[in-house]
Amino acid sequence: SLGDTLQAVYAHEKVPALLKPGQSDLTSHVDFEALITDLPCTHSRLTTQGVFLERLGITDRAQALAKSLGGTALEHHIAAHRRLTHPDEMGTIFKTLALFPKGAHPPAGYEV
């Protein structure tokens, strides 16, 4: 349900978390602020999935792949890109966190 901490998705449907281990996509609700506070790390960066993926070049890659697609395959490709990155879909609700030592460069996708 919506309040469950650990969730699994298989074939675009929510399923029990251990129903298809290794085949389901797992996600969980995380209190990132508490995690950052509790970890002995000197630097952290928190960002949304959409921003993270855009910084890694998802749109350029999606456009390159789209050139060889047509019809239904292209429609699915465009919909998948939107689902992963758009603020009204997974782009905002899902977050990513990087933890790194003081003086180190932030990992790819976490540059400001």
PDB file of N, CA and C in Angstrom:
ATOM      1  N   SER A   1       0.835  -1.188   0.000  1.00  0.00           N
ATOM      2  CA  SER A   1       0.000   0.000   0.000  1.00  0.00           C
ATOM      3  C   SER A   1       0.874   1.244   0.000  1.00  0.00           C
ATOM      4  N   LEU A   2       0.246   2.417  -0.096  1.00  0.00           N
ATOM      5  CA  LEU A   2       0.975   3.669  -0.220  1.00  0.00           C
ATOM      6  C   LEU A   2       1.932   3.907   0.941  1.00  0.00           C
ATOM      7  N   GLY A   3       1.571   3.506   2.148  1.00  0.00           N
ATOM      8  CA  GLY A   3       2.407   3.760   3.310  1.00  0.00           C
ATOM      9  C   GLY A   3       3.499   2.739   3.547  1.00  0.00           C
ATOM     10  N   ASP A   4       3.536   1.671   2.762  1.00  0.00           N
ATOM     11  CA  ASP A   4       4.563   0.646   2.951  1.00  0.00           C
ATOM     12  C   ASP A   4       5.945   1.231   2.680  1.00  0.00           C
ATOM     13  N   THR A   5       6.897   0.862   3.511  1.00  0.00           N
ATOM     14  CA  THR A   5       8.255   1.345   3.330  1.00  0.00           C
ATOM     15  C   THR A   5       8.930   0.646   2.161  1.00  0.00           C
ATOM     16  N   LEU A   6       8.805  -0.667   2.061  1.00  0.00           N
ATOM     17  CA  LEU A   6       9.413  -1.425   0.974  1.00  0.00           C
ATOM     18  C   LEU A   6       8.335  -1.807  -0.031  1.00  0.00           C
ATOM     19  N   GLN A   7       8.568  -1.488  -1.293  1.00  0.00           N
ATOM     20  CA  GLN A   7       7.602  -1.788  -2.343  1.00  0.00           C
ATOM     21  C   GLN A   7       8.311  -2.457  -3.514  1.00  0.00           C
ATOM     22  N   ALA A   8       7.568  -3.285  -4.237  1.00  0.00           N
ATOM     23  CA  ALA A   8       8.117  -3.963  -5.413  1.00  0.00           C
ATOM     24  C   ALA A   8       7.161  -3.799  -6.589  1.00  0.00           C
ATOM     25  N   VAL A   9       7.747  -3.716  -7.779  1.00  0.00           N
ATOM     26  CA  VAL A   9       6.971  -3.634  -9.013  1.00  0.00           C
ATOM     27  C   VAL A   9       7.520  -4.682  -9.966  1.00  0.00           C
ATOM     28  N   TYR A  10       6.599  -5.464 -10.544  1.00  0.00           N
ATOM     29  CA  TYR A  10       6.966  -6.471 -11.536  1.00  0.00           C
ATOM     30  C   TYR A  10       5.959  -6.368 -12.674  1.00  0.00           C
ATOM     31  N   ALA A  11       6.439  -6.240 -13.895  1.00  0.00           N
ATOM     32  CA  ALA A  11       5.580  -6.122 -15.076  1.00  0.00           C
ATOM     33  C   ALA A  11       4.567  -4.991 -14.896  1.00  0.00           C
ATOM     34  N   HIS A  12       5.040  -3.867 -14.380  1.00  0.00           N
ATOM     35  CA  HIS A  12       4.238  -2.654 -14.191  1.00  0.00           C
ATOM     36  C   HIS A  12       3.129  -2.799 -13.154  1.00  0.00           C
ATOM     37  N   GLU A  13       3.204  -3.809 -12.312  1.00  0.00           N
ATOM     38  CA  GLU A  13       2.202  -4.030 -11.261  1.00  0.00           C
ATOM     39  C   GLU A  13       2.894  -4.117  -9.912  1.00  0.00           C
ATOM     40  N   LYS A  14       2.248  -3.576  -8.869  1.00  0.00           N
ATOM     41  CA  LYS A  14       2.775  -3.737  -7.518  1.00  0.00           C
ATOM     42  C   LYS A  14       2.600  -5.184  -7.098  1.00  0.00           C
ATOM     43  N   VAL A  15       3.652  -5.750  -6.514  1.00  0.00           N
ATOM     44  CA  VAL A  15       3.639  -7.143  -6.067  1.00  0.00           C
ATOM     45  C   VAL A  15       4.276  -7.208  -4.682  1.00  0.00           C
ATOM     46  N   PRO A  16       4.052  -8.303  -3.941  1.00  0.00           N
ATOM     47  CA  PRO A  16       4.759  -8.464  -2.664  1.00  0.00           C
ATOM     48  C   PRO A  16       6.271  -8.406  -2.894  1.00  0.00           C
ATOM     49  N   ALA A  17       6.982  -7.768  -1.980  1.00  0.00           N
ATOM     50  CA  ALA A  17       8.410  -7.478  -2.158  1.00  0.00           C
ATOM     51  C   ALA A  17       9.263  -8.707  -2.447  1.00  0.00           C
ATOM     52  N   LEU A  18       8.915  -9.855  -1.904  1.00  0.00           N
ATOM     53  CA  LEU A  18       9.745 -11.050  -2.089  1.00  0.00           C
ATOM     54  C   LEU A  18       9.149 -12.057  -3.067  1.00  0.00           C
ATOM     55  N   LEU A  19       8.126 -11.656  -3.811  1.00  0.00           N
ATOM     56  CA  LEU A  19       7.481 -12.572  -4.754  1.00  0.00           C
ATOM     57  C   LEU A  19       8.419 -12.976  -5.894  1.00  0.00           C
ATOM     58  N   LYS A  20       9.143 -12.035  -6.450  1.00  0.00           N
ATOM     59  CA  LYS A  20      10.030 -12.302  -7.593  1.00  0.00           C
ATOM     60  C   LYS A  20      11.405 -11.684  -7.327  1.00  0.00           C
ATOM     61  N   PRO A  21      12.146 -12.218  -6.355  1.00  0.00           N
ATOM     62  CA  PRO A  21      13.452 -11.622  -6.050  1.00  0.00           C
ATOM     63  C   PRO A  21      14.372 -11.645  -7.267  1.00  0.00           C
ATOM     64  N   GLY A  22      15.032 -10.537  -7.501  1.00  0.00           N
ATOM     65  CA  GLY A  22      15.930 -10.426  -8.644  1.00  0.00           C
ATOM     66  C   GLY A  22      15.232 -10.053  -9.933  1.00  0.00           C
ATOM     67  N   GLN A  23      13.906 -10.090  -9.943  1.00  0.00           N
ATOM     68  CA  GLN A  23      13.146  -9.745 -11.143  1.00  0.00           C
ATOM     69  C   GLN A  23      12.271  -8.515 -10.940  1.00  0.00           C
ATOM     70  N   SER A  24      11.990  -8.175  -9.696  1.00  0.00           N
ATOM     71  CA  SER A  24      11.159  -7.017  -9.375  1.00  0.00           C
ATOM     72  C   SER A  24      12.033  -5.791  -9.157  1.00  0.00           C
ATOM     73  N   ASP A  25      11.462  -4.632  -9.435  1.00  0.00           N
ATOM     74  CA  ASP A  25      12.112  -3.372  -9.073  1.00  0.00           C
ATOM     75  C   ASP A  25      11.689  -3.046  -7.657  1.00  0.00           C
ATOM     76  N   LEU A  26      12.667  -2.831  -6.777  1.00  0.00           N
ATOM     77  CA  LEU A  26      12.385  -2.525  -5.379  1.00  0.00           C
ATOM     78  C   LEU A  26      12.606  -1.045  -5.107  1.00  0.00           C
ATOM     79  N   THR A  27      11.765  -0.492  -4.262  1.00  0.00           N
ATOM     80  CA  THR A  27      11.916   0.888  -3.826  1.00  0.00           C
ATOM     81  C   THR A  27      11.454   0.985  -2.384  1.00  0.00           C
ATOM     82  N   SER A  28      11.870   2.025  -1.716  1.00  0.00           N
ATOM     83  CA  SER A  28      11.422   2.231  -0.338  1.00  0.00           C
ATOM     84  C   SER A  28      11.346   3.717  -0.048  1.00  0.00           C
ATOM     85  N   HIS A  29      10.531   4.043   0.941  1.00  0.00           N
ATOM     86  CA  HIS A  29      10.439   5.429   1.394  1.00  0.00           C
ATOM     87  C   HIS A  29      11.567   5.650   2.392  1.00  0.00           C
ATOM     88  N   VAL A  30      12.370   6.659   2.157  1.00  0.00           N
ATOM     89  CA  VAL A  30      13.541   6.920   2.992  1.00  0.00           C
ATOM     90  C   VAL A  30      13.472   8.348   3.524  1.00  0.00           C
ATOM     91  N   ASP A  31      13.759   8.509   4.799  1.00  0.00           N
ATOM     92  CA  ASP A  31      13.894   9.838   5.388  1.00  0.00           C
ATOM     93  C   ASP A  31      15.342  10.264   5.162  1.00  0.00           C
ATOM     94  N   PHE A  32      15.598  10.891   4.017  1.00  0.00           N
ATOM     95  CA  PHE A  32      16.964  11.245   3.650  1.00  0.00           C
ATOM     96  C   PHE A  32      17.595  12.218   4.637  1.00  0.00           C
ATOM     97  N   GLU A  33      16.820  13.150   5.152  1.00  0.00           N
ATOM     98  CA  GLU A  33      17.377  14.113   6.105  1.00  0.00           C
ATOM     99  C   GLU A  33      17.905  13.395   7.342  1.00  0.00           C
ATOM    100  N   ALA A  34      17.140  12.428   7.852  1.00  0.00           N
ATOM    101  CA  ALA A  34      17.599  11.660   9.015  1.00  0.00           C
ATOM    102  C   ALA A  34      18.823  10.820   8.658  1.00  0.00           C
ATOM    103  N   LEU A  35      18.815  10.243   7.477  1.00  0.00           N
ATOM    104  CA  LEU A  35      19.944   9.427   7.028  1.00  0.00           C
ATOM    105  C   LEU A  35      21.222  10.265   6.952  1.00  0.00           C
ATOM    106  N   ILE A  36      21.116  11.441   6.368  1.00  0.00           N
ATOM    107  CA  ILE A  36      22.271  12.332   6.244  1.00  0.00           C
ATOM    108  C   ILE A  36      22.797  12.718   7.621  1.00  0.00           C
ATOM    109  N   THR A  37      21.882  13.000   8.538  1.00  0.00           N
ATOM    110  CA  THR A  37      22.265  13.405   9.891  1.00  0.00           C
ATOM    111  C   THR A  37      22.952  12.273  10.640  1.00  0.00           C
ATOM    112  N   ASP A  38      22.482  11.050  10.446  1.00  0.00           N
ATOM    113  CA  ASP A  38      22.977   9.905  11.205  1.00  0.00           C
ATOM    114  C   ASP A  38      24.260   9.285  10.657  1.00  0.00           C
ATOM    115  N   LEU A  39      24.610   9.561   9.418  1.00  0.00           N
ATOM    116  CA  LEU A  39      25.797   8.939   8.827  1.00  0.00           C
ATOM    117  C   LEU A  39      27.050   9.772   9.084  1.00  0.00           C
ATOM    118  N   PRO A  40      28.167   9.093   9.330  1.00  0.00           N
ATOM    119  CA  PRO A  40      29.413   9.815   9.595  1.00  0.00           C
ATOM    120  C   PRO A  40      30.101  10.254   8.301  1.00  0.00           C
ATOM    121  N   CYS A  41      29.387  10.972   7.487  1.00  0.00           N
ATOM    122  CA  CYS A  41      29.933  11.415   6.205  1.00  0.00           C
ATOM    123  C   CYS A  41      30.049  12.936   6.239  1.00  0.00           C
ATOM    124  N   THR A  42      31.095  13.463   5.663  1.00  0.00           N
ATOM    125  CA  THR A  42      31.301  14.900   5.742  1.00  0.00           C
ATOM    126  C   THR A  42      30.525  15.687   4.691  1.00  0.00           C
ATOM    127  N   HIS A  43      30.207  15.078   3.567  1.00  0.00           N
ATOM    128  CA  HIS A  43      29.478  15.790   2.520  1.00  0.00           C
ATOM    129  C   HIS A  43      28.390  14.893   1.932  1.00  0.00           C
ATOM    130  N   SER A  44      27.291  15.524   1.579  1.00  0.00           N
ATOM    131  CA  SER A  44      26.215  14.783   0.928  1.00  0.00           C
ATOM    132  C   SER A  44      25.517  15.708  -0.059  1.00  0.00           C
ATOM    133  N   ARG A  45      24.913  15.109  -1.037  1.00  0.00           N
ATOM    134  CA  ARG A  45      24.098  15.842  -2.004  1.00  0.00           C
ATOM    135  C   ARG A  45      22.835  15.035  -2.235  1.00  0.00           C
ATOM    136  N   LEU A  46      21.719  15.706  -2.140  1.00  0.00           N
ATOM    137  CA  LEU A  46      20.410  15.098  -2.361  1.00  0.00           C
ATOM    138  C   LEU A  46      19.777  15.798  -3.550  1.00  0.00           C
ATOM    139  N   THR A  47      19.233  15.034  -4.469  1.00  0.00           N
ATOM    140  CA  THR A  47      18.568  15.633  -5.616  1.00  0.00           C
ATOM    141  C   THR A  47      17.430  14.730  -6.064  1.00  0.00           C
ATOM    142  N   THR A  48      16.577  15.259  -6.910  1.00  0.00           N
ATOM    143  CA  THR A  48      15.475  14.453  -7.431  1.00  0.00           C
ATOM    144  C   THR A  48      15.980  13.539  -8.544  1.00  0.00           C
ATOM    145  N   GLN A  49      15.242  12.471  -8.781  1.00  0.00           N
ATOM    146  CA  GLN A  49      15.617  11.532  -9.838  1.00  0.00           C
ATOM    147  C   GLN A  49      15.671  12.232 -11.192  1.00  0.00           C
ATOM    148  N   GLY A  50      14.695  13.100 -11.465  1.00  0.00           N
ATOM    149  CA  GLY A  50      14.662  13.786 -12.751  1.00  0.00           C
ATOM    150  C   GLY A  50      15.894  14.634 -12.991  1.00  0.00           C
ATOM    151  N   VAL A  51      16.275  15.429 -11.999  1.00  0.00           N
ATOM    152  CA  VAL A  51      17.467  16.274 -12.122  1.00  0.00           C
ATOM    153  C   VAL A  51      18.711  15.404 -12.261  1.00  0.00           C
ATOM    154  N   PHE A  52      18.804  14.364 -11.449  1.00  0.00           N
ATOM    155  CA  PHE A  52      19.951  13.457 -11.497  1.00  0.00           C
ATOM    156  C   PHE A  52      20.103  12.840 -12.889  1.00  0.00           C
ATOM    157  N   LEU A  53      19.019  12.308 -13.426  1.00  0.00           N
ATOM    158  CA  LEU A  53      19.086  11.669 -14.744  1.00  0.00           C
ATOM    159  C   LEU A  53      19.397  12.681 -15.848  1.00  0.00           C
ATOM    160  N   GLU A  54      18.854  13.883 -15.740  1.00  0.00           N
ATOM    161  CA  GLU A  54      19.162  14.916 -16.739  1.00  0.00           C
ATOM    162  C   GLU A  54      20.641  15.274 -16.695  1.00  0.00           C
ATOM    163  N   ARG A  55      21.211  15.376 -15.499  1.00  0.00           N
ATOM    164  CA  ARG A  55      22.640  15.686 -15.379  1.00  0.00           C
ATOM    165  C   ARG A  55      23.508  14.584 -15.976  1.00  0.00           C
ATOM    166  N   LEU A  56      23.003  13.359 -15.958  1.00  0.00           N
ATOM    167  CA  LEU A  56      23.745  12.243 -16.546  1.00  0.00           C
ATOM    168  C   LEU A  56      23.527  12.133 -18.057  1.00  0.00           C
ATOM    169  N   GLY A  57      22.632  12.950 -18.605  1.00  0.00           N
ATOM    170  CA  GLY A  57      22.439  12.978 -20.048  1.00  0.00           C
ATOM    171  C   GLY A  57      21.330  12.100 -20.584  1.00  0.00           C
ATOM    172  N   ILE A  58      20.305  11.828 -19.766  1.00  0.00           N
ATOM    173  CA  ILE A  58      19.245  10.924 -20.218  1.00  0.00           C
ATOM    174  C   ILE A  58      18.519  11.443 -21.455  1.00  0.00           C
ATOM    175  N   THR A  59      18.302  12.743 -21.550  1.00  0.00           N
ATOM    176  CA  THR A  59      17.563  13.263 -22.701  1.00  0.00           C
ATOM    177  C   THR A  59      18.362  13.107 -23.989  1.00  0.00           C
ATOM    178  N   ASP A  60      19.650  13.403 -23.945  1.00  0.00           N
ATOM    179  CA  ASP A  60      20.485  13.205 -25.140  1.00  0.00           C
ATOM    180  C   ASP A  60      20.478  11.739 -25.564  1.00  0.00           C
ATOM    181  N   ARG A  61      20.610  10.855 -24.594  1.00  0.00           N
ATOM    182  CA  ARG A  61      20.620   9.416 -24.900  1.00  0.00           C
ATOM    183  C   ARG A  61      19.263   8.975 -25.439  1.00  0.00           C
ATOM    184  N   ALA A  62      18.191   9.450 -24.825  1.00  0.00           N
ATOM    185  CA  ALA A  62      16.845   9.079 -25.274  1.00  0.00           C
ATOM    186  C   ALA A  62      16.601   9.556 -26.704  1.00  0.00           C
ATOM    187  N   GLN A  63      17.051  10.760 -27.015  1.00  0.00           N
ATOM    188  CA  GLN A  63      16.885  11.278 -28.374  1.00  0.00           C
ATOM    189  C   GLN A  63      17.686  10.465 -29.382  1.00  0.00           C
ATOM    190  N   ALA A  64      18.882  10.059 -29.014  1.00  0.00           N
ATOM    191  CA  ALA A  64      19.703   9.239 -29.911  1.00  0.00           C
ATOM    192  C   ALA A  64      19.038   7.894 -30.172  1.00  0.00           C
ATOM    193  N   LEU A  65      18.509   7.282 -29.125  1.00  0.00           N
ATOM    194  CA  LEU A  65      17.833   5.991 -29.289  1.00  0.00           C
ATOM    195  C   LEU A  65      16.544   6.135 -30.089  1.00  0.00           C
ATOM    196  N   ALA A  66      15.842   7.244 -29.905  1.00  0.00           N
ATOM    197  CA  ALA A  66      14.557   7.453 -30.574  1.00  0.00           C
ATOM    198  C   ALA A  66      14.694   7.519 -32.091  1.00  0.00           C
ATOM    199  N   LYS A  67      15.856   7.904 -32.579  1.00  0.00           N
ATOM    200  CA  LYS A  67      16.058   8.024 -34.026  1.00  0.00           C
ATOM    201  C   LYS A  67      15.852   6.707 -34.761  1.00  0.00           C
ATOM    202  N   SER A  68      16.068   5.595 -34.075  1.00  0.00           N
ATOM    203  CA  SER A  68      15.919   4.292 -34.734  1.00  0.00           C
ATOM    204  C   SER A  68      14.564   3.646 -34.438  1.00  0.00           C
ATOM    205  N   LEU A  69      13.678   4.379 -33.775  1.00  0.00           N
ATOM    206  CA  LEU A  69      12.378   3.816 -33.403  1.00  0.00           C
ATOM    207  C   LEU A  69      11.262   4.454 -34.205  1.00  0.00           C
ATOM    208  N   GLY A  70      10.141   3.777 -34.239  1.00  0.00           N
ATOM    209  CA  GLY A  70       8.959   4.315 -34.885  1.00  0.00           C
ATOM    210  C   GLY A  70       7.713   3.696 -34.295  1.00  0.00           C
ATOM    211  N   GLY A  71       6.578   4.272 -34.603  1.00  0.00           N
ATOM    212  CA  GLY A  71       5.295   3.713 -34.184  1.00  0.00           C
ATOM    213  C   GLY A  71       5.166   3.524 -32.685  1.00  0.00           C
ATOM    214  N   THR A  72       4.667   2.353 -32.311  1.00  0.00           N
ATOM    215  CA  THR A  72       4.418   2.033 -30.907  1.00  0.00           C
ATOM    216  C   THR A  72       5.698   2.026 -30.086  1.00  0.00           C
ATOM    217  N   ALA A  73       6.788   1.539 -30.656  1.00  0.00           N
ATOM    218  CA  ALA A  73       8.059   1.507 -29.923  1.00  0.00           C
ATOM    219  C   ALA A  73       8.504   2.921 -29.560  1.00  0.00           C
ATOM    220  N   LEU A  74       8.341   3.862 -30.467  1.00  0.00           N
ATOM    221  CA  LEU A  74       8.701   5.248 -30.190  1.00  0.00           C
ATOM    222  C   LEU A  74       7.787   5.839 -29.122  1.00  0.00           C
ATOM    223  N   GLU A  75       6.504   5.547 -29.209  1.00  0.00           N
ATOM    224  CA  GLU A  75       5.556   6.038 -28.198  1.00  0.00           C
ATOM    225  C   GLU A  75       5.919   5.520 -26.812  1.00  0.00           C
ATOM    226  N   HIS A  76       6.256   4.246 -26.708  1.00  0.00           N
ATOM    227  CA  HIS A  76       6.646   3.655 -25.418  1.00  0.00           C
ATOM    228  C   HIS A  76       7.944   4.284 -24.908  1.00  0.00           C
ATOM    229  N   HIS A  77       8.867   4.512 -25.801  1.00  0.00           N
ATOM    230  CA  HIS A  77      10.153   5.120 -25.452  1.00  0.00           C
ATOM    231  C   HIS A  77       9.943   6.528 -24.877  1.00  0.00           C
ATOM    232  N   ILE A  78       9.138   7.320 -25.549  1.00  0.00           N
ATOM    233  CA  ILE A  78       8.854   8.685 -25.088  1.00  0.00           C
ATOM    234  C   ILE A  78       8.144   8.654 -23.742  1.00  0.00           C
ATOM    235  N   ALA A  79       7.179   7.748 -23.598  1.00  0.00           N
ATOM    236  CA  ALA A  79       6.444   7.634 -22.334  1.00  0.00           C
ATOM    237  C   ALA A  79       7.362   7.212 -21.190  1.00  0.00           C
ATOM    238  N   ALA A  80       8.296   6.308 -21.460  1.00  0.00           N
ATOM    239  CA  ALA A  80       9.225   5.845 -20.422  1.00  0.00           C
ATOM    240  C   ALA A  80      10.147   6.983 -19.981  1.00  0.00           C
ATOM    241  N   HIS A  81      10.643   7.745 -20.934  1.00  0.00           N
ATOM    242  CA  HIS A  81      11.494   8.896 -20.601  1.00  0.00           C
ATOM    243  C   HIS A  81      10.723   9.885 -19.733  1.00  0.00           C
ATOM    244  N   ARG A  82       9.503  10.179 -20.121  1.00  0.00           N
ATOM    245  CA  ARG A  82       8.672  11.111 -19.345  1.00  0.00           C
ATOM    246  C   ARG A  82       8.436  10.567 -17.941  1.00  0.00           C
ATOM    247  N   ARG A  83       8.093   9.309 -17.839  1.00  0.00           N
ATOM    248  CA  ARG A  83       7.807   8.711 -16.529  1.00  0.00           C
ATOM    249  C   ARG A  83       9.008   8.833 -15.593  1.00  0.00           C
ATOM    250  N   LEU A  84      10.200   8.600 -16.095  1.00  0.00           N
ATOM    251  CA  LEU A  84      11.405   8.651 -15.263  1.00  0.00           C
ATOM    252  C   LEU A  84      11.816  10.063 -14.865  1.00  0.00           C
ATOM    253  N   THR A  85      11.534  11.059 -15.711  1.00  0.00           N
ATOM    254  CA  THR A  85      12.110  12.388 -15.500  1.00  0.00           C
ATOM    255  C   THR A  85      11.122  13.508 -15.200  1.00  0.00           C
ATOM    256  N   HIS A  86       9.890  13.384 -15.585  1.00  0.00           N
ATOM    257  CA  HIS A  86       8.942  14.499 -15.465  1.00  0.00           C
ATOM    258  C   HIS A  86       8.573  14.766 -14.006  1.00  0.00           C
ATOM    259  N   PRO A  87       8.493  16.049 -13.622  1.00  0.00           N
ATOM    260  CA  PRO A  87       8.146  16.391 -12.237  1.00  0.00           C
ATOM    261  C   PRO A  87       6.795  15.842 -11.774  1.00  0.00           C
ATOM    262  N   ASP A  88       5.859  15.642 -12.685  1.00  0.00           N
ATOM    263  CA  ASP A  88       4.547  15.104 -12.305  1.00  0.00           C
ATOM    264  C   ASP A  88       4.548  13.585 -12.187  1.00  0.00           C
ATOM    265  N   GLU A  89       5.651  12.954 -12.505  1.00  0.00           N
ATOM    266  CA  GLU A  89       5.729  11.497 -12.414  1.00  0.00           C
ATOM    267  C   GLU A  89       6.877  11.125 -11.471  1.00  0.00           C
ATOM    268  N   MET A  90       7.768  10.238 -11.849  1.00  0.00           N
ATOM    269  CA  MET A  90       8.844   9.777 -10.965  1.00  0.00           C
ATOM    270  C   MET A  90       9.967  10.800 -10.797  1.00  0.00           C
ATOM    271  N   GLY A  91      10.009  11.800 -11.642  1.00  0.00           N
ATOM    272  CA  GLY A  91      11.099  12.762 -11.627  1.00  0.00           C
ATOM    273  C   GLY A  91      11.270  13.529 -10.337  1.00  0.00           C
ATOM    274  N   THR A  92      10.181  13.765  -9.625  1.00  0.00           N
ATOM    275  CA  THR A  92      10.253  14.519  -8.372  1.00  0.00           C
ATOM    276  C   THR A  92      10.080  13.637  -7.150  1.00  0.00           C
ATOM    277  N   ILE A  93       9.183  12.680  -7.216  1.00  0.00           N
ATOM    278  CA  ILE A  93       8.890  11.874  -6.025  1.00  0.00           C
ATOM    279  C   ILE A  93      10.067  10.991  -5.625  1.00  0.00           C
ATOM    280  N   PHE A  94      10.852  10.534  -6.599  1.00  0.00           N
ATOM    281  CA  PHE A  94      12.018   9.707  -6.293  1.00  0.00           C
ATOM    282  C   PHE A  94      13.241  10.600  -6.133  1.00  0.00           C
ATOM    283  N   LYS A  95      14.055  10.285  -5.143  1.00  0.00           N
ATOM    284  CA  LYS A  95      15.245  11.073  -4.828  1.00  0.00           C
ATOM    285  C   LYS A  95      16.491  10.202  -4.941  1.00  0.00           C
ATOM    286  N   THR A  96      17.624  10.856  -5.110  1.00  0.00           N
ATOM    287  CA  THR A  96      18.913  10.161  -5.095  1.00  0.00           C
ATOM    288  C   THR A  96      19.826  10.880  -4.111  1.00  0.00           C
ATOM    289  N   LEU A  97      20.713  10.125  -3.494  1.00  0.00           N
ATOM    290  CA  LEU A  97      21.602  10.671  -2.476  1.00  0.00           C
ATOM    291  C   LEU A  97      23.028  10.217  -2.750  1.00  0.00           C
ATOM    292  N   ALA A  98      23.961  11.156  -2.662  1.00  0.00           N
ATOM    293  CA  ALA A  98      25.388  10.830  -2.761  1.00  0.00           C
ATOM    294  C   ALA A  98      26.058  11.222  -1.456  1.00  0.00           C
ATOM    295  N   LEU A  99      26.894  10.344  -0.948  1.00  0.00           N
ATOM    296  CA  LEU A  99      27.697  10.607   0.244  1.00  0.00           C
ATOM    297  C   LEU A  99      29.159  10.515  -0.162  1.00  0.00           C
ATOM    298  N   PHE A 100      29.940  11.508   0.209  1.00  0.00           N
ATOM    299  CA  PHE A 100      31.341  11.497  -0.201  1.00  0.00           C
ATOM    300  C   PHE A 100      32.180  12.280   0.805  1.00  0.00           C
ATOM    301  N   PRO A 101      33.482  11.980   0.869  1.00  0.00           N
ATOM    302  CA  PRO A 101      34.348  12.637   1.849  1.00  0.00           C
ATOM    303  C   PRO A 101      34.641  14.095   1.492  1.00  0.00           C
ATOM    304  N   LYS A 102      34.946  14.858   2.514  1.00  0.00           N
ATOM    305  CA  LYS A 102      35.321  16.256   2.333  1.00  0.00           C
ATOM    306  C   LYS A 102      36.519  16.345   1.388  1.00  0.00           C
ATOM    307  N   GLY A 103      36.457  17.291   0.463  1.00  0.00           N
ATOM    308  CA  GLY A 103      37.546  17.489  -0.481  1.00  0.00           C
ATOM    309  C   GLY A 103      37.423  16.677  -1.751  1.00  0.00           C
ATOM    310  N   ALA A 104      36.547  15.696  -1.756  1.00  0.00           N
ATOM    311  CA  ALA A 104      36.356  14.872  -2.960  1.00  0.00           C
ATOM    312  C   ALA A 104      35.385  15.576  -3.907  1.00  0.00           C
ATOM    313  N   HIS A 105      35.542  15.296  -5.181  1.00  0.00           N
ATOM    314  CA  HIS A 105      34.582  15.812  -6.148  1.00  0.00           C
ATOM    315  C   HIS A 105      33.277  15.046  -5.985  1.00  0.00           C
ATOM    316  N   PRO A 106      32.138  15.718  -6.145  1.00  0.00           N
ATOM    317  CA  PRO A 106      30.871  14.991  -6.083  1.00  0.00           C
ATOM    318  C   PRO A 106      30.804  13.955  -7.201  1.00  0.00           C
ATOM    319  N   PRO A 107      30.130  12.844  -6.967  1.00  0.00           N
ATOM    320  CA  PRO A 107      29.964  11.837  -8.019  1.00  0.00           C
ATOM    321  C   PRO A 107      29.191  12.412  -9.213  1.00  0.00           C
ATOM    322  N   ALA A 108      29.318  11.761 -10.354  1.00  0.00           N
ATOM    323  CA  ALA A 108      28.597  12.181 -11.557  1.00  0.00           C
ATOM    324  C   ALA A 108      27.107  12.292 -11.260  1.00  0.00           C
ATOM    325  N   GLY A 109      26.511  13.351 -11.755  1.00  0.00           N
ATOM    326  CA  GLY A 109      25.089  13.586 -11.549  1.00  0.00           C
ATOM    327  C   GLY A 109      24.788  14.449 -10.339  1.00  0.00           C
ATOM    328  N   TYR A 110      25.783  14.702  -9.525  1.00  0.00           N
ATOM    329  CA  TYR A 110      25.581  15.498  -8.309  1.00  0.00           C
ATOM    330  C   TYR A 110      26.322  16.828  -8.344  1.00  0.00           C
ATOM    331  N   GLU A 111      26.911  17.161  -9.476  1.00  0.00           N
ATOM    332  CA  GLU A 111      27.580  18.447  -9.603  1.00  0.00           C
ATOM    333  C   GLU A 111      26.520  19.543  -9.528  1.00  0.00           C
ATOM    334  N   VAL A 112      26.927  20.690  -9.025  1.00  0.00           N
ATOM    335  CA  VAL A 112      25.973  21.809  -8.934  1.00  0.00           C
ATOM    336  C   VAL A 112      26.239  22.779 -10.057  1.00  0.00           C
TER     337      VAL A 112
END
